[in-house]
All heavy atoms as atom14 arrays in JSON, in Angstrom:
{
  "sequence": "ALIPYLKGYTTHRATAGDSYWQIASRYHSSVQRLVTANPTIDPSSIK",
  "atom14_mask": [
    [1, 1, 1, 1, 1, 0, 0, 0, 0, 0, 0, 0, 0, 0],
    [1, 1, 1, 1, 1, 1, 1, 1, 0, 0, 0, 0, 0, 0],
    [1, 1, 1, 1, 1, 1, 1, 1, 0, 0, 0, 0, 0, 0],
    [1, 1, 1, 1, 1, 1, 1, 0, 0, 0, 0, 0, 0, 0],
    [1, 1, 1, 1, 1, 1, 1, 1, 1, 1, 1, 1, 0, 0],
    [1, 1, 1, 1, 1, 1, 1, 1, 0, 0, 0, 0, 0, 0],
    [1, 1, 1, 1, 1, 1, 1, 1, 1, 0, 0, 0, 0, 0],
    [1, 1, 1, 1, 0, 0, 0, 0, 0, 0, 0, 0, 0, 0],
    [1, 1, 1, 1, 1, 1, 1, 1, 1, 1, 1, 1, 0, 0],
    [1, 1, 1, 1, 1, 1, 1, 0, 0, 0, 0, 0, 0, 0],
    [1, 1, 1, 1, 1, 1, 1, 0, 0, 0, 0, 0, 0, 0],
    [1, 1, 1, 1, 1, 1, 1, 1, 1, 1, 0, 0, 0, 0],
    [1, 1, 1, 1, 1, 1, 1, 1, 1, 1, 1, 0, 0, 0],
    [1, 1, 1, 1, 1, 0, 0, 0, 0, 0, 0, 0, 0, 0],
    [1, 1, 1, 1, 1, 1, 1, 0, 0, 0, 0, 0, 0, 0],
    [1, 1, 1, 1, 1, 0, 0, 0, 0, 0, 0, 0, 0, 0],
    [1, 1, 1, 1, 0, 0, 0, 0, 0, 0, 0, 0, 0, 0],
    [1, 1, 1, 1, 1, 1, 1, 1, 0, 0, 0, 0, 0, 0],
    [1, 1, 1, 1, 1, 1, 0, 0, 0, 0, 0, 0, 0, 0],
    [1, 1, 1, 1, 1, 1, 1, 1, 1, 1, 1, 1, 0, 0],
    [1, 1, 1, 1, 1, 1, 1, 1, 1, 1, 1, 1, 1, 1],
    [1, 1, 1, 1, 1, 1, 1, 1, 1, 0, 0, 0, 0, 0],
    [1, 1, 1, 1, 1, 1, 1, 1, 0, 0, 0, 0, 0, 0],
    [1, 1, 1, 1, 1, 0, 0, 0, 0, 0, 0, 0, 0, 0],
    [1, 1, 1, 1, 1, 1, 0, 0, 0, 0, 0, 0, 0, 0],
    [1, 1, 1, 1, 1, 1, 1, 1, 1, 1, 1, 0, 0, 0],
    [1, 1, 1, 1, 1, 1, 1, 1, 1, 1, 1, 1, 0, 0],
    [1, 1, 1, 1, 1, 1, 1, 1, 1, 1, 0, 0, 0, 0],
    [1, 1, 1, 1, 1, 1, 0, 0, 0, 0, 0, 0, 0, 0],
    [1, 1, 1, 1, 1, 1, 0, 0, 0, 0, 0, 0, 0, 0],
    [1, 1, 1, 1, 1, 1, 1, 0, 0, 0, 0, 0, 0, 0],
    [1, 1, 1, 1, 1, 1, 1, 1, 1, 0, 0, 0, 0, 0],
    [1, 1, 1, 1, 1, 1, 1, 1, 1, 1, 1, 0, 0, 0],
    [1, 1, 1, 1, 1, 1, 1, 1, 0, 0, 0, 0, 0, 0],
    [1, 1, 1, 1, 1, 1, 1, 0, 0, 0, 0, 0, 0, 0],
    [1, 1, 1, 1, 1, 1, 1, 0, 0, 0, 0, 0, 0, 0],
    [1, 1, 1, 1, 1, 0, 0, 0, 0, 0, 0, 0, 0, 0],
    [1, 1, 1, 1, 1, 1, 1, 1, 0, 0, 0, 0, 0, 0],
    [1, 1, 1, 1, 1, 1, 1, 0, 0, 0, 0, 0, 0, 0],
    [1, 1, 1, 1, 1, 1, 1, 0, 0, 0, 0, 0, 0, 0],
    [1, 1, 1, 1, 1, 1, 1, 1, 0, 0, 0, 0, 0, 0],
    [1, 1, 1, 1, 1, 1, 1, 1, 0, 0, 0, 0, 0, 0],
    [1, 1, 1, 1, 1, 1, 1, 0, 0, 0, 0, 0, 0, 0],
    [1, 1, 1, 1, 1, 1, 0, 0, 0, 0, 0, 0, 0, 0],
    [1, 1, 1, 1, 1, 1, 0, 0, 0, 0, 0, 0, 0, 0],
    [1, 1, 1, 1, 1, 1, 1, 1, 0, 0, 0, 0, 0, 0],
    [1, 1, 1, 1, 1, 1, 1, 1, 1, 0, 0, 0, 0, 0]
  ],
  "atom14_positions": [
    [[-47.41, 12.78, 12.09], [-48.49, 13.2, 12.98], [-48.57, 12.35, 14.25], [-49.02, 12.83, 15.3], [-49.82, 13.14, 12.24], [0.0, 0.0, 0.0], [0.0, 0.0, 0.0], [0.0, 0.0, 0.0], [0.0, 0.0, 0.0], [0.0, 0.0, 0.0], [0.0, 0.0, 0.0], [0.0, 0.0, 0.0], [0.0, 0.0, 0.0], [0.0, 0.0, 0.0]],
    [[-48.15, 11.09, 14.16], [-48.3, 10.18, 15.29], [-47.1, 10.18, 16.24], [-47.27, 9.95, 17.45], [-48.53, 8.75, 14.78], [-49.87, 8.49, 14.09], [-49.88, 7.11, 13.46], [-51.02, 8.64, 15.08], [0.0, 0.0, 0.0], [0.0, 0.0, 0.0], [0.0, 0.0, 0.0], [0.0, 0.0, 0.0], [0.0, 0.0, 0.0], [0.0, 0.0, 0.0]],
    [[-45.91, 10.43, 15.72], [-44.71, 10.32, 16.56], [-44.73, 11.25, 17.77], [-44.22, 10.88, 18.84], [-43.45, 10.51, 15.69], [-43.18, 9.23, 14.89], [-42.23, 10.86, 16.54], [-42.02, 9.31, 13.92], [0.0, 0.0, 0.0], [0.0, 0.0, 0.0], [0.0, 0.0, 0.0], [0.0, 0.0, 0.0], [0.0, 0.0, 0.0], [0.0, 0.0, 0.0]],
    [[-45.33, 12.47, 17.71], [-45.4, 13.27, 18.94], [-46.06, 12.54, 20.11], [-45.72, 12.79, 21.27], [-46.21, 14.5, 18.51], [-45.89, 14.65, 17.06], [-45.8, 13.24, 16.54], [0.0, 0.0, 0.0], [0.0, 0.0, 0.0], [0.0, 0.0, 0.0], [0.0, 0.0, 0.0], [0.0, 0.0, 0.0], [0.0, 0.0, 0.0], [0.0, 0.0, 0.0]],
    [[-46.96, 11.61, 19.81], [-47.61, 10.87, 20.89], [-46.71, 9.76, 21.43], [-47.01, 9.18, 22.48], [-48.94, 10.3, 20.39], [-49.93, 11.4, 20.12], [-50.1, 11.9, 18.83], [-50.68, 11.97, 21.14], [-50.99, 12.93, 18.57], [-51.57, 13.0, 20.89], [-51.71, 13.48, 19.6], [-52.58, 14.51, 19.36], [0.0, 0.0, 0.0], [0.0, 0.0, 0.0]],
    [[-45.62, 9.48, 20.75], [-44.61, 8.55, 21.25], [-43.49, 9.31, 21.96], [-42.88, 8.8, 22.89], [-44.06, 7.7, 20.1], [-45.11, 6.87, 19.36], [-44.52, 6.18, 18.15], [-45.74, 5.83, 20.29], [0.0, 0.0, 0.0], [0.0, 0.0, 0.0], [0.0, 0.0, 0.0], [0.0, 0.0, 0.0], [0.0, 0.0, 0.0], [0.0, 0.0, 0.0]],
    [[-43.24, 10.54, 21.51], [-42.29, 11.4, 22.21], [-42.91, 12.07, 23.43], [-42.18, 12.56, 24.3], [-41.77, 12.49, 21.25], [-40.94, 11.96, 20.1], [-40.45, 13.11, 19.22], [-39.55, 12.62, 18.1], [-39.07, 13.74, 17.25], [0.0, 0.0, 0.0], [0.0, 0.0, 0.0], [0.0, 0.0, 0.0], [0.0, 0.0, 0.0], [0.0, 0.0, 0.0]],
    [[-44.23, 12.15, 23.45], [-44.91, 12.67, 24.63], [-45.04, 14.17, 24.71], [-45.33, 14.7, 25.79], [0.0, 0.0, 0.0], [0.0, 0.0, 0.0], [0.0, 0.0, 0.0], [0.0, 0.0, 0.0], [0.0, 0.0, 0.0], [0.0, 0.0, 0.0], [0.0, 0.0, 0.0], [0.0, 0.0, 0.0], [0.0, 0.0, 0.0], [0.0, 0.0, 0.0]],
    [[-44.83, 14.87, 23.61], [-44.98, 16.32, 23.66], [-45.24, 16.88, 22.27], [-45.01, 16.21, 21.26], [-43.72, 16.98, 24.24], [-42.57, 17.09, 23.26], [-42.36, 18.26, 22.52], [-41.69, 16.03, 23.05], [-41.32, 18.36, 21.61], [-40.64, 16.12, 22.15], [-40.46, 17.29, 21.43], [-39.43, 17.39, 20.51], [0.0, 0.0, 0.0], [0.0, 0.0, 0.0]],
    [[-45.75, 18.1, 22.24], [-45.86, 18.86, 21.01], [-45.36, 20.27, 21.29], [-44.88, 20.57, 22.39], [-47.31, 18.87, 20.49], [-47.36, 19.47, 19.19], [-48.24, 19.64, 21.43], [0.0, 0.0, 0.0], [0.0, 0.0, 0.0], [0.0, 0.0, 0.0], [0.0, 0.0, 0.0], [0.0, 0.0, 0.0], [0.0, 0.0, 0.0], [0.0, 0.0, 0.0]],
    [[-45.44, 21.14, 20.31], [-45.07, 22.54, 20.51], [-46.24, 23.44, 20.15], [-47.09, 23.09, 19.32], [-43.84, 22.93, 19.67], [-44.12, 22.66, 18.27], [-42.61, 22.13, 20.09], [0.0, 0.0, 0.0], [0.0, 0.0, 0.0], [0.0, 0.0, 0.0], [0.0, 0.0, 0.0], [0.0, 0.0, 0.0], [0.0, 0.0, 0.0], [0.0, 0.0, 0.0]],
    [[-46.27, 24.58, 20.77], [-47.31, 25.58, 20.52], [-46.66, 26.94, 20.35], [-45.84, 27.34, 21.19], [-48.29, 25.61, 21.7], [-49.31, 26.71, 21.61], [-50.47, 26.58, 20.88], [-49.33, 27.96, 22.15], [-51.17, 27.7, 20.98], [-50.49, 28.55, 21.75], [0.0, 0.0, 0.0], [0.0, 0.0, 0.0], [0.0, 0.0, 0.0], [0.0, 0.0, 0.0]],
    [[-47.01, 27.62, 19.28], [-46.52, 28.98, 19.06], [-47.55, 29.97, 19.61], [-48.7, 29.99, 19.16], [-46.24, 29.25, 17.58], [-45.52, 30.58, 17.32], [-45.14, 30.74, 15.86], [-44.13, 29.78, 15.48], [-42.83, 29.94, 15.67], [-42.38, 31.03, 16.27], [-41.98, 29.0, 15.27], [0.0, 0.0, 0.0], [0.0, 0.0, 0.0], [0.0, 0.0, 0.0]],
    [[-47.15, 30.77, 20.56], [-48.08, 31.63, 21.3], [-48.71, 32.69, 20.4], [-48.05, 33.28, 19.53], [-47.36, 32.31, 22.46], [0.0, 0.0, 0.0], [0.0, 0.0, 0.0], [0.0, 0.0, 0.0], [0.0, 0.0, 0.0], [0.0, 0.0, 0.0], [0.0, 0.0, 0.0], [0.0, 0.0, 0.0], [0.0, 0.0, 0.0], [0.0, 0.0, 0.0]],
    [[-49.99, 32.91, 20.63], [-50.73, 33.97, 19.96], [-51.25, 34.95, 21.02], [-51.1, 34.72, 22.23], [-51.9, 33.4, 19.15], [-52.76, 32.67, 20.04], [-51.41, 32.45, 18.07], [0.0, 0.0, 0.0], [0.0, 0.0, 0.0], [0.0, 0.0, 0.0], [0.0, 0.0, 0.0], [0.0, 0.0, 0.0], [0.0, 0.0, 0.0], [0.0, 0.0, 0.0]],
    [[-51.84, 36.03, 20.57], [-52.31, 37.06, 21.49], [-53.31, 36.48, 22.49], [-54.23, 35.76, 22.12], [-52.96, 38.21, 20.71], [0.0, 0.0, 0.0], [0.0, 0.0, 0.0], [0.0, 0.0, 0.0], [0.0, 0.0, 0.0], [0.0, 0.0, 0.0], [0.0, 0.0, 0.0], [0.0, 0.0, 0.0], [0.0, 0.0, 0.0], [0.0, 0.0, 0.0]],
    [[-53.09, 36.78, 23.75], [-54.02, 36.37, 24.79], [-53.8, 34.97, 25.34], [-54.53, 34.54, 26.24], [0.0, 0.0, 0.0], [0.0, 0.0, 0.0], [0.0, 0.0, 0.0], [0.0, 0.0, 0.0], [0.0, 0.0, 0.0], [0.0, 0.0, 0.0], [0.0, 0.0, 0.0], [0.0, 0.0, 0.0], [0.0, 0.0, 0.0], [0.0, 0.0, 0.0]],
    [[-52.8, 34.25, 24.83], [-52.54, 32.9, 25.33], [-52.14, 32.92, 26.8], [-51.39, 33.8, 27.24], [-51.42, 32.23, 24.53], [-51.95, 31.5, 23.3], [-53.17, 31.31, 23.2], [-51.13, 31.11, 22.44], [0.0, 0.0, 0.0], [0.0, 0.0, 0.0], [0.0, 0.0, 0.0], [0.0, 0.0, 0.0], [0.0, 0.0, 0.0], [0.0, 0.0, 0.0]],
    [[-52.62, 31.93, 27.52], [-52.18, 31.7, 28.89], [-51.83, 30.23, 29.04], [-52.25, 29.38, 28.24], [-53.27, 32.06, 29.89], [-54.34, 31.13, 29.81], [0.0, 0.0, 0.0], [0.0, 0.0, 0.0], [0.0, 0.0, 0.0], [0.0, 0.0, 0.0], [0.0, 0.0, 0.0], [0.0, 0.0, 0.0], [0.0, 0.0, 0.0], [0.0, 0.0, 0.0]],
    [[-51.05, 29.91, 30.06], [-50.71, 28.5, 30.29], [-51.96, 27.67, 30.54], [-52.03, 26.5, 30.14], [-49.74, 28.37, 31.46], [-48.28, 28.44, 31.06], [-47.89, 28.84, 29.78], [-47.28, 28.08, 31.97], [-46.55, 28.89, 29.41], [-45.94, 28.12, 31.61], [-45.58, 28.53, 30.34], [-44.25, 28.57, 29.98], [0.0, 0.0, 0.0], [0.0, 0.0, 0.0]],
    [[-52.94, 28.23, 31.22], [-54.16, 27.47, 31.5], [-54.87, 27.13, 30.2], [-55.32, 25.99, 30.01], [-55.08, 28.3, 32.4], [-56.33, 27.53, 32.78], [-56.48, 26.67, 33.82], [-57.58, 27.56, 32.09], [-57.75, 26.14, 33.83], [-58.45, 26.67, 32.78], [-58.06, 28.24, 30.96], [-59.78, 26.45, 32.38], [-59.37, 28.01, 30.56], [-60.21, 27.14, 31.26]],
    [[-54.95, 28.09, 29.27], [-55.61, 27.83, 27.99], [-54.85, 26.79, 27.17], [-55.44, 25.89, 26.57], [-55.73, 29.13, 27.2], [-56.68, 30.15, 27.79], [-56.57, 31.49, 27.11], [-55.47, 31.95, 26.79], [-57.7, 32.16, 26.92], [0.0, 0.0, 0.0], [0.0, 0.0, 0.0], [0.0, 0.0, 0.0], [0.0, 0.0, 0.0], [0.0, 0.0, 0.0]],
    [[-53.52, 26.93, 27.15], [-52.7, 25.99, 26.37], [-52.8, 24.59, 26.96], [-52.96, 23.6, 26.24], [-51.24, 26.47, 26.34], [-51.15, 27.81, 25.61], [-50.35, 25.43, 25.67], [-49.79, 28.49, 25.76], [0.0, 0.0, 0.0], [0.0, 0.0, 0.0], [0.0, 0.0, 0.0], [0.0, 0.0, 0.0], [0.0, 0.0, 0.0], [0.0, 0.0, 0.0]],
    [[-52.74, 24.49, 28.28], [-52.84, 23.19, 28.93], [-54.19, 22.54, 28.64], [-54.26, 21.33, 28.37], [-52.64, 23.34, 30.44], [0.0, 0.0, 0.0], [0.0, 0.0, 0.0], [0.0, 0.0, 0.0], [0.0, 0.0, 0.0], [0.0, 0.0, 0.0], [0.0, 0.0, 0.0], [0.0, 0.0, 0.0], [0.0, 0.0, 0.0], [0.0, 0.0, 0.0]],
    [[-55.26, 23.31, 28.68], [-56.59, 22.76, 28.4], [-56.7, 22.3, 26.96], [-57.28, 21.23, 26.68], [-57.66, 23.82, 28.7], [-57.65, 24.2, 30.05], [0.0, 0.0, 0.0], [0.0, 0.0, 0.0], [0.0, 0.0, 0.0], [0.0, 0.0, 0.0], [0.0, 0.0, 0.0], [0.0, 0.0, 0.0], [0.0, 0.0, 0.0], [0.0, 0.0, 0.0]],
    [[-56.14, 23.04, 26.05], [-56.24, 22.69, 24.63], [-55.53, 21.38, 24.33], [-56.02, 20.57, 23.52], [-55.63, 23.82, 23.79], [-55.57, 23.52, 22.3], [-55.02, 24.69, 21.52], [-54.82, 24.35, 20.11], [-54.33, 25.19, 19.21], [-54.02, 26.44, 19.55], [-54.17, 24.8, 17.95], [0.0, 0.0, 0.0], [0.0, 0.0, 0.0], [0.0, 0.0, 0.0]],
    [[-54.4, 21.14, 24.96], [-53.58, 19.96, 24.63], [-53.67, 18.86, 25.69], [-52.87, 17.91, 25.65], [-52.12, 20.38, 24.46], [-51.87, 21.26, 23.27], [-51.74, 22.64, 23.42], [-51.75, 20.73, 21.99], [-51.49, 23.47, 22.33], [-51.5, 21.54, 20.89], [-51.37, 22.91, 21.08], [-51.13, 23.72, 19.98], [0.0, 0.0, 0.0], [0.0, 0.0, 0.0]],
    [[-54.62, 18.98, 26.62], [-54.77, 17.98, 27.68], [-53.46, 17.81, 28.45], [-52.99, 16.7, 28.71], [-55.21, 16.63, 27.08], [-56.46, 16.71, 26.27], [-57.7, 16.91, 26.84], [-56.66, 16.65, 24.93], [-58.61, 16.96, 25.88], [-58.0, 16.8, 24.72], [0.0, 0.0, 0.0], [0.0, 0.0, 0.0], [0.0, 0.0, 0.0], [0.0, 0.0, 0.0]],
    [[-52.9, 18.93, 28.84], [-51.68, 18.94, 29.63], [-52.02, 19.56, 30.99], [-53.16, 19.47, 31.45], [-50.59, 19.74, 28.91], [-49.37, 19.68, 29.6], [0.0, 0.0, 0.0], [0.0, 0.0, 0.0], [0.0, 0.0, 0.0], [0.0, 0.0, 0.0], [0.0, 0.0, 0.0], [0.0, 0.0, 0.0], [0.0, 0.0, 0.0], [0.0, 0.0, 0.0]],
    [[-51.04, 20.14, 31.64], [-51.28, 20.83, 32.91], [-50.36, 22.03, 32.99], [-49.3, 22.07, 32.35], [-51.03, 19.9, 34.1], [-49.64, 19.64, 34.24], [0.0, 0.0, 0.0], [0.0, 0.0, 0.0], [0.0, 0.0, 0.0], [0.0, 0.0, 0.0], [0.0, 0.0, 0.0], [0.0, 0.0, 0.0], [0.0, 0.0, 0.0], [0.0, 0.0, 0.0]],
    [[-50.76, 23.01, 33.79], [-49.95, 24.2, 33.95], [-48.59, 23.83, 34.53], [-47.55, 24.35, 34.1], [-50.67, 25.23, 34.85], [-49.74, 26.38, 35.21], [-51.92, 25.75, 34.15], [0.0, 0.0, 0.0], [0.0, 0.0, 0.0], [0.0, 0.0, 0.0], [0.0, 0.0, 0.0], [0.0, 0.0, 0.0], [0.0, 0.0, 0.0], [0.0, 0.0, 0.0]],
    [[-48.57, 22.91, 35.5], [-47.3, 22.54, 36.12], [-46.36, 21.89, 35.1], [-45.15, 22.15, 35.11], [-47.53, 21.59, 37.28], [-46.25, 21.22, 38.04], [-45.5, 22.43, 38.54], [-46.08, 23.3, 39.2], [-44.21, 22.55, 38.22], [0.0, 0.0, 0.0], [0.0, 0.0, 0.0], [0.0, 0.0, 0.0], [0.0, 0.0, 0.0], [0.0, 0.0, 0.0]],
    [[-46.89, 21.08, 34.21], [-46.04, 20.46, 33.18], [-45.46, 21.54, 32.25], [-44.3, 21.45, 31.84], [-46.83, 19.44, 32.37], [-47.13, 18.16, 33.13], [-47.67, 17.08, 32.2], [-47.92, 15.84, 32.92], [-47.01, 14.92, 33.21], [-45.75, 15.13, 32.84], [-47.33, 13.82, 33.85], [0.0, 0.0, 0.0], [0.0, 0.0, 0.0], [0.0, 0.0, 0.0]],
    [[-46.25, 22.52, 31.92], [-45.77, 23.61, 31.06], [-44.67, 24.41, 31.77], [-43.65, 24.76, 31.17], [-46.92, 24.53, 30.68], [-47.96, 23.95, 29.71], [-49.15, 24.88, 29.59], [-47.35, 23.71, 28.34], [0.0, 0.0, 0.0], [0.0, 0.0, 0.0], [0.0, 0.0, 0.0], [0.0, 0.0, 0.0], [0.0, 0.0, 0.0], [0.0, 0.0, 0.0]],
    [[-44.87, 24.68, 33.04], [-43.87, 25.43, 33.81], [-42.56, 24.66, 33.86], [-41.48, 25.22, 33.64], [-44.39, 25.73, 35.23], [-43.27, 26.28, 36.1], [-45.56, 26.71, 35.17], [0.0, 0.0, 0.0], [0.0, 0.0, 0.0], [0.0, 0.0, 0.0], [0.0, 0.0, 0.0], [0.0, 0.0, 0.0], [0.0, 0.0, 0.0], [0.0, 0.0, 0.0]],
    [[-42.63, 23.37, 34.13], [-41.42, 22.55, 34.23], [-40.69, 22.47, 32.9], [-39.46, 22.56, 32.85], [-41.77, 21.13, 34.72], [-42.41, 21.22, 35.99], [-40.53, 20.27, 34.83], [0.0, 0.0, 0.0], [0.0, 0.0, 0.0], [0.0, 0.0, 0.0], [0.0, 0.0, 0.0], [0.0, 0.0, 0.0], [0.0, 0.0, 0.0], [0.0, 0.0, 0.0]],
    [[-41.42, 22.31, 31.81], [-40.81, 22.12, 30.5], [-40.28, 23.41, 29.89], [-39.49, 23.35, 28.93], [-41.8, 21.47, 29.54], [0.0, 0.0, 0.0], [0.0, 0.0, 0.0], [0.0, 0.0, 0.0], [0.0, 0.0, 0.0], [0.0, 0.0, 0.0], [0.0, 0.0, 0.0], [0.0, 0.0, 0.0], [0.0, 0.0, 0.0], [0.0, 0.0, 0.0]],
    [[-40.69, 24.54, 30.42], [-40.31, 25.83, 29.83], [-39.76, 26.76, 30.9], [-40.35, 27.81, 31.2], [-41.52, 26.47, 29.14], [-42.09, 25.59, 28.04], [-41.62, 25.62, 26.91], [-43.12, 24.82, 28.37], [0.0, 0.0, 0.0], [0.0, 0.0, 0.0], [0.0, 0.0, 0.0], [0.0, 0.0, 0.0], [0.0, 0.0, 0.0], [0.0, 0.0, 0.0]],
    [[-38.63, 26.42, 31.49], [-38.13, 27.2, 32.64], [-37.71, 28.62, 32.31], [-37.6, 29.45, 33.22], [-36.94, 26.37, 33.12], [-36.48, 25.61, 31.92], [-37.73, 25.29, 31.17], [0.0, 0.0, 0.0], [0.0, 0.0, 0.0], [0.0, 0.0, 0.0], [0.0, 0.0, 0.0], [0.0, 0.0, 0.0], [0.0, 0.0, 0.0], [0.0, 0.0, 0.0]],
    [[-37.47, 28.93, 31.05], [-37.02, 30.28, 30.7], [-38.16, 31.21, 30.3], [-37.92, 32.38, 29.97], [-36.0, 30.21, 29.54], [-36.64, 29.68, 28.38], [-34.81, 29.35, 29.91], [0.0, 0.0, 0.0], [0.0, 0.0, 0.0], [0.0, 0.0, 0.0], [0.0, 0.0, 0.0], [0.0, 0.0, 0.0], [0.0, 0.0, 0.0], [0.0, 0.0, 0.0]],
    [[-39.4, 30.7, 30.31], [-40.55, 31.52, 29.91], [-41.3, 32.0, 31.15], [-41.58, 31.22, 32.07], [-41.49, 30.72, 28.98], [-40.77, 30.35, 27.68], [-42.76, 31.52, 28.67], [-41.59, 29.46, 26.77], [0.0, 0.0, 0.0], [0.0, 0.0, 0.0], [0.0, 0.0, 0.0], [0.0, 0.0, 0.0], [0.0, 0.0, 0.0], [0.0, 0.0, 0.0]],
    [[-41.64, 33.27, 31.18], [-42.44, 33.85, 32.25], [-43.92, 33.63, 31.92], [-44.44, 34.23, 30.98], [-42.15, 35.34, 32.38], [-42.95, 36.0, 33.5], [-43.78, 35.32, 34.13], [-42.76, 37.21, 33.72], [0.0, 0.0, 0.0], [0.0, 0.0, 0.0], [0.0, 0.0, 0.0], [0.0, 0.0, 0.0], [0.0, 0.0, 0.0], [0.0, 0.0, 0.0]],
    [[-44.64, 32.78, 32.65], [-46.04, 32.49, 32.31], [-46.94, 33.72, 32.36], [-47.99, 33.74, 31.7], [-46.46, 31.47, 33.37], [-45.19, 30.9, 33.9], [-44.18, 32.0, 33.82], [0.0, 0.0, 0.0], [0.0, 0.0, 0.0], [0.0, 0.0, 0.0], [0.0, 0.0, 0.0], [0.0, 0.0, 0.0], [0.0, 0.0, 0.0], [0.0, 0.0, 0.0]],
    [[-46.55, 34.72, 33.11], [-47.39, 35.92, 33.23], [-47.17, 36.91, 32.09], [-47.89, 37.89, 31.97], [-47.12, 36.62, 34.57], [-45.79, 37.12, 34.61], [0.0, 0.0, 0.0], [0.0, 0.0, 0.0], [0.0, 0.0, 0.0], [0.0, 0.0, 0.0], [0.0, 0.0, 0.0], [0.0, 0.0, 0.0], [0.0, 0.0, 0.0], [0.0, 0.0, 0.0]],
    [[-46.17, 36.64, 31.26], [-45.87, 37.57, 30.17], [-45.36, 36.78, 28.96], [-44.18, 36.81, 28.62], [-44.82, 38.59, 30.63], [-44.52, 39.5, 29.58], [0.0, 0.0, 0.0], [0.0, 0.0, 0.0], [0.0, 0.0, 0.0], [0.0, 0.0, 0.0], [0.0, 0.0, 0.0], [0.0, 0.0, 0.0], [0.0, 0.0, 0.0], [0.0, 0.0, 0.0]],
    [[-46.28, 36.05, 28.32], [-45.93, 35.22, 27.18], [-45.93, 36.07, 25.92], [-46.97, 36.64, 25.54], [-46.9, 34.04, 27.03], [-46.94, 33.2, 28.3], [-46.51, 33.16, 25.84], [-48.0, 32.11, 28.3], [0.0, 0.0, 0.0], [0.0, 0.0, 0.0], [0.0, 0.0, 0.0], [0.0, 0.0, 0.0], [0.0, 0.0, 0.0], [0.0, 0.0, 0.0]],
    [[-44.81, 36.17, 25.27], [-44.71, 36.98, 24.07], [-45.28, 36.25, 22.86], [-45.1, 35.04, 22.71], [-43.24, 37.35, 23.81], [-42.63, 38.21, 24.89], [-41.18, 38.54, 24.58], [-40.56, 39.41, 25.68], [-39.14, 39.72, 25.4], [0.0, 0.0, 0.0], [0.0, 0.0, 0.0], [0.0, 0.0, 0.0], [0.0, 0.0, 0.0], [0.0, 0.0, 0.0]]
  ]
}
């Protein structure tokens, strides 16, 4: 449970209605960090 805070990231499995803004708020991240870390995902159409 603690090592993700040493690696500096976690993972999130998308559910219905998820947006980058919601995910960033939940995990104390930012939309820009999500965009950079996930270059193959379209933020406007998260499956």
